[in-house]
Amino acid sequence: MSFFVRSSGLSIRQTLPARHNPSLKRKNKPLVRRKKRPTLSSLRKTAEVVPPIDPESLLNTTLLEASRQRRPVELSPEEKERRTLLLKEWSRHKMQEHKEDLQRFQELERCREEALKELKKSSPLLYEAAIKVDANFFPIEFKGPTETPPIPDYLAPDMEDVKAKNKGRR
């Protein structure tokens, strides 16, 4: 049983607790028998299932017709100049960004070296622990040869001979 009480314009729903009576028995519902679903093996026995072809995977030949080919756009000299200047400006911006990154890395490296110097002065044991390489931090495992054996009877070219040959070709 539920009812609504209105007070000061607000709606509050109140319900009475359900009364539980253990002496009441549930009504028995008739059991509904379900059909068995066919198994995968029975489906294979009856007929081979072929998935449909995805139309998106097929090439649409009408898109390759010559009438659909776009002509190259001819840009005006002003537009070409504008795009060239924009590309140069972008290159300058990226170069400036690269320089700032390098400066940041150099500053970090300088601060690290300074901190290690101070640590070495204050506690040599902590300094040794700080510079110790942790092999488990980046586990690297090499398989196969790490060095190539030298080729027998191989004579390395002399750099002056190579330069002379290159000059003769020009």
Protein backbone atom coordinates (compact mmCIF):
# COMPACT_ATOMS: atom_id res chain seq x y z
CA MET A 1 0.00 0.00 0.00
CA SER A 2 1.38 3.37 -0.87
CA PHE A 3 0.01 6.88 -0.71
CA PHE A 4 1.24 10.39 -1.34
CA VAL A 5 1.43 13.17 1.19
CA ARG A 6 1.65 16.74 0.04
CA SER A 7 3.26 19.20 2.33
CA SER A 8 4.58 22.61 1.38
CA GLY A 9 4.43 21.81 -2.31
CA LEU A 10 6.75 18.76 -2.08
CA SER A 11 5.66 15.26 -2.98
CA ILE A 12 6.93 12.52 -0.64
CA ARG A 13 6.18 8.87 -1.27
CA GLN A 14 5.69 6.70 1.77
CA THR A 15 5.19 2.95 1.76
CA LEU A 16 4.14 0.61 4.51
CA PRO A 17 6.47 -2.31 5.21
CA ALA A 18 5.40 -5.56 3.54
CA ARG A 19 3.85 -8.00 5.95
CA HIS A 20 5.62 -11.35 5.82
CA ASN A 21 3.60 -14.40 6.71
CA PRO A 22 5.64 -17.64 6.66
CA SER A 23 2.50 -19.81 6.82
CA LEU A 24 1.40 -18.68 3.34
CA LYS A 25 2.60 -20.92 0.52
CA ARG A 26 3.65 -19.79 -2.90
CA LYS A 27 1.44 -20.50 -5.83
CA ASN A 28 2.96 -23.08 -8.12
CA LYS A 29 3.34 -21.77 -11.64
CA PRO A 30 3.17 -24.21 -14.50
CA LEU A 31 6.60 -25.02 -15.91
CA VAL A 32 7.25 -23.81 -19.43
CA ARG A 33 9.32 -26.19 -21.50
CA ARG A 34 11.79 -24.48 -23.76
CA LYS A 35 13.02 -25.79 -27.04
CA LYS A 36 16.60 -26.92 -27.06
CA ARG A 37 18.88 -24.63 -28.97
CA PRO A 38 20.68 -26.30 -31.82
CA THR A 39 24.32 -26.97 -31.08
CA LEU A 40 27.16 -25.91 -33.30
CA SER A 41 27.93 -29.49 -34.31
CA SER A 42 24.30 -30.13 -35.32
CA LEU A 43 24.33 -26.95 -37.42
CA ARG A 44 27.47 -28.10 -39.18
CA LYS A 45 25.85 -31.46 -39.94
CA THR A 46 22.73 -29.93 -41.45
CA ALA A 47 24.27 -27.27 -43.70
CA GLU A 48 27.50 -25.35 -44.08
CA VAL A 49 27.02 -21.75 -42.95
CA VAL A 50 28.64 -19.20 -45.27
CA PRO A 51 28.91 -15.67 -43.93
CA PRO A 52 27.62 -12.94 -46.24
CA ILE A 53 30.09 -10.74 -48.11
CA ASP A 54 30.59 -7.32 -46.59
CA PRO A 55 29.66 -4.74 -49.24
CA GLU A 56 32.14 -2.27 -47.71
CA SER A 57 35.04 -4.58 -48.53
CA LEU A 58 34.28 -4.57 -52.27
CA LEU A 59 35.84 -1.95 -54.52
CA ASN A 60 33.32 0.37 -56.13
CA THR A 61 34.55 0.67 -59.73
CA THR A 62 32.34 3.68 -60.45
CA LEU A 63 34.63 5.72 -58.19
CA LEU A 64 37.57 5.07 -60.52
CA GLU A 65 35.93 6.41 -63.69
CA ALA A 66 37.69 9.25 -65.52
CA SER A 67 34.66 11.53 -65.18
CA ARG A 68 35.09 11.39 -61.38
CA GLN A 69 38.78 12.32 -61.44
CA ARG A 70 39.45 15.81 -60.14
CA ARG A 71 41.51 18.21 -62.14
CA PRO A 72 44.59 19.58 -60.37
CA VAL A 73 43.83 22.90 -58.76
CA GLU A 74 45.82 25.78 -60.21
CA LEU A 75 46.85 28.14 -57.44
CA SER A 76 47.38 31.81 -58.00
CA PRO A 77 50.91 33.14 -57.44
CA GLU A 78 49.65 35.02 -54.36
CA GLU A 79 48.25 31.80 -52.85
CA LYS A 80 51.49 29.94 -53.59
CA GLU A 81 53.45 32.73 -51.88
CA ARG A 82 51.08 32.71 -48.90
CA ARG A 83 51.44 28.94 -48.48
CA THR A 84 55.23 29.15 -48.79
CA LEU A 85 55.40 31.86 -46.11
CA LEU A 86 53.06 29.85 -43.88
CA LEU A 87 55.28 26.79 -44.27
CA LYS A 88 58.38 28.84 -43.40
CA GLU A 89 56.65 30.30 -40.36
CA TRP A 90 55.65 26.80 -39.23
CA SER A 91 59.24 25.59 -39.68
CA ARG A 92 60.53 28.50 -37.57
CA HIS A 93 57.98 27.72 -34.87
CA LYS A 94 58.93 24.02 -34.75
CA MET A 95 62.64 24.90 -34.70
CA GLN A 96 62.07 27.29 -31.79
CA GLU A 97 60.11 24.56 -29.99
CA HIS A 98 62.99 22.13 -30.58
CA LYS A 99 65.55 24.61 -29.22
CA GLU A 100 63.43 25.18 -26.08
CA ASP A 101 63.19 21.42 -25.54
CA LEU A 102 66.97 21.08 -25.84
CA GLN A 103 67.49 23.92 -23.37
CA ARG A 104 65.08 22.28 -20.93
CA PHE A 105 66.95 18.97 -21.19
CA GLN A 106 70.29 20.72 -20.69
CA GLU A 107 68.94 22.52 -17.63
CA LEU A 108 67.62 19.25 -16.19
CA GLU A 109 70.97 17.55 -16.80
CA ARG A 110 72.83 20.46 -15.18
CA CYS A 111 70.53 20.33 -12.12
CA ARG A 112 71.01 16.56 -11.89
CA GLU A 113 74.81 16.87 -12.02
CA GLU A 114 74.73 19.63 -9.38
CA ALA A 115 72.51 17.51 -7.10
CA LEU A 116 74.85 14.53 -7.51
CA LYS A 117 77.86 16.72 -6.61
CA GLU A 118 76.15 17.90 -3.42
CA LEU A 119 75.10 14.35 -2.59
CA LYS A 120 78.68 13.16 -3.04
CA LYS A 121 79.89 15.83 -0.62
CA SER A 122 77.28 15.00 2.02
CA SER A 123 77.07 11.19 1.75
CA PRO A 124 79.31 9.08 -0.50
CA LEU A 125 77.21 5.96 0.21
CA LEU A 126 74.02 7.63 -1.00
CA TYR A 127 75.91 8.96 -4.03
CA GLU A 128 77.06 5.43 -4.97
CA ALA A 129 73.50 4.15 -4.59
CA ALA A 130 72.19 7.02 -6.74
CA ILE A 131 74.53 6.43 -9.67
CA LYS A 132 74.18 2.65 -9.54
CA VAL A 133 72.44 1.30 -12.67
CA ASP A 134 69.29 -0.72 -12.07
CA ALA A 135 69.30 -3.53 -14.65
CA ASN A 136 65.69 -4.45 -13.81
CA PHE A 137 64.37 -0.97 -14.62
CA PHE A 138 64.49 -1.61 -18.38
CA PRO A 139 64.93 -5.34 -18.85
CA ILE A 140 66.72 -5.94 -22.16
CA GLU A 141 67.33 -9.40 -23.48
CA PHE A 142 69.44 -10.00 -26.58
CA LYS A 143 69.15 -13.16 -28.60
CA GLY A 144 71.72 -14.08 -31.20
CA PRO A 145 75.19 -12.72 -31.82
CA THR A 146 76.03 -9.32 -30.41
CA GLU A 147 79.15 -8.88 -32.53
CA THR A 148 79.79 -9.80 -36.14
CA PRO A 149 83.00 -11.75 -36.71
CA PRO A 150 85.45 -10.20 -39.17
CA ILE A 151 85.38 -11.35 -42.80
CA PRO A 152 88.64 -13.17 -43.60
CA ASP A 153 90.87 -11.53 -46.27
CA TYR A 154 88.73 -8.36 -46.35
CA LEU A 155 90.61 -5.13 -47.06
CA ALA A 156 88.84 -2.01 -45.85
CA PRO A 157 88.86 0.84 -48.40
CA ASP A 158 91.12 3.76 -47.69
CA MET A 159 89.12 6.97 -47.30
CA GLU A 160 91.48 8.96 -49.56
CA ASP A 161 91.01 6.40 -52.35
CA VAL A 162 87.21 6.65 -52.01
CA LYS A 163 87.33 10.48 -52.13
CA ALA A 164 89.53 10.39 -55.25
CA LYS A 165 87.09 8.03 -56.99
CA ASN A 166 84.13 10.27 -56.13
CA LYS A 167 85.93 13.36 -57.52
CA GLY A 168 86.64 11.54 -60.78
CA ARG A 169 82.91 10.77 -61.27
CA ARG A 170 81.79 14.39 -61.11
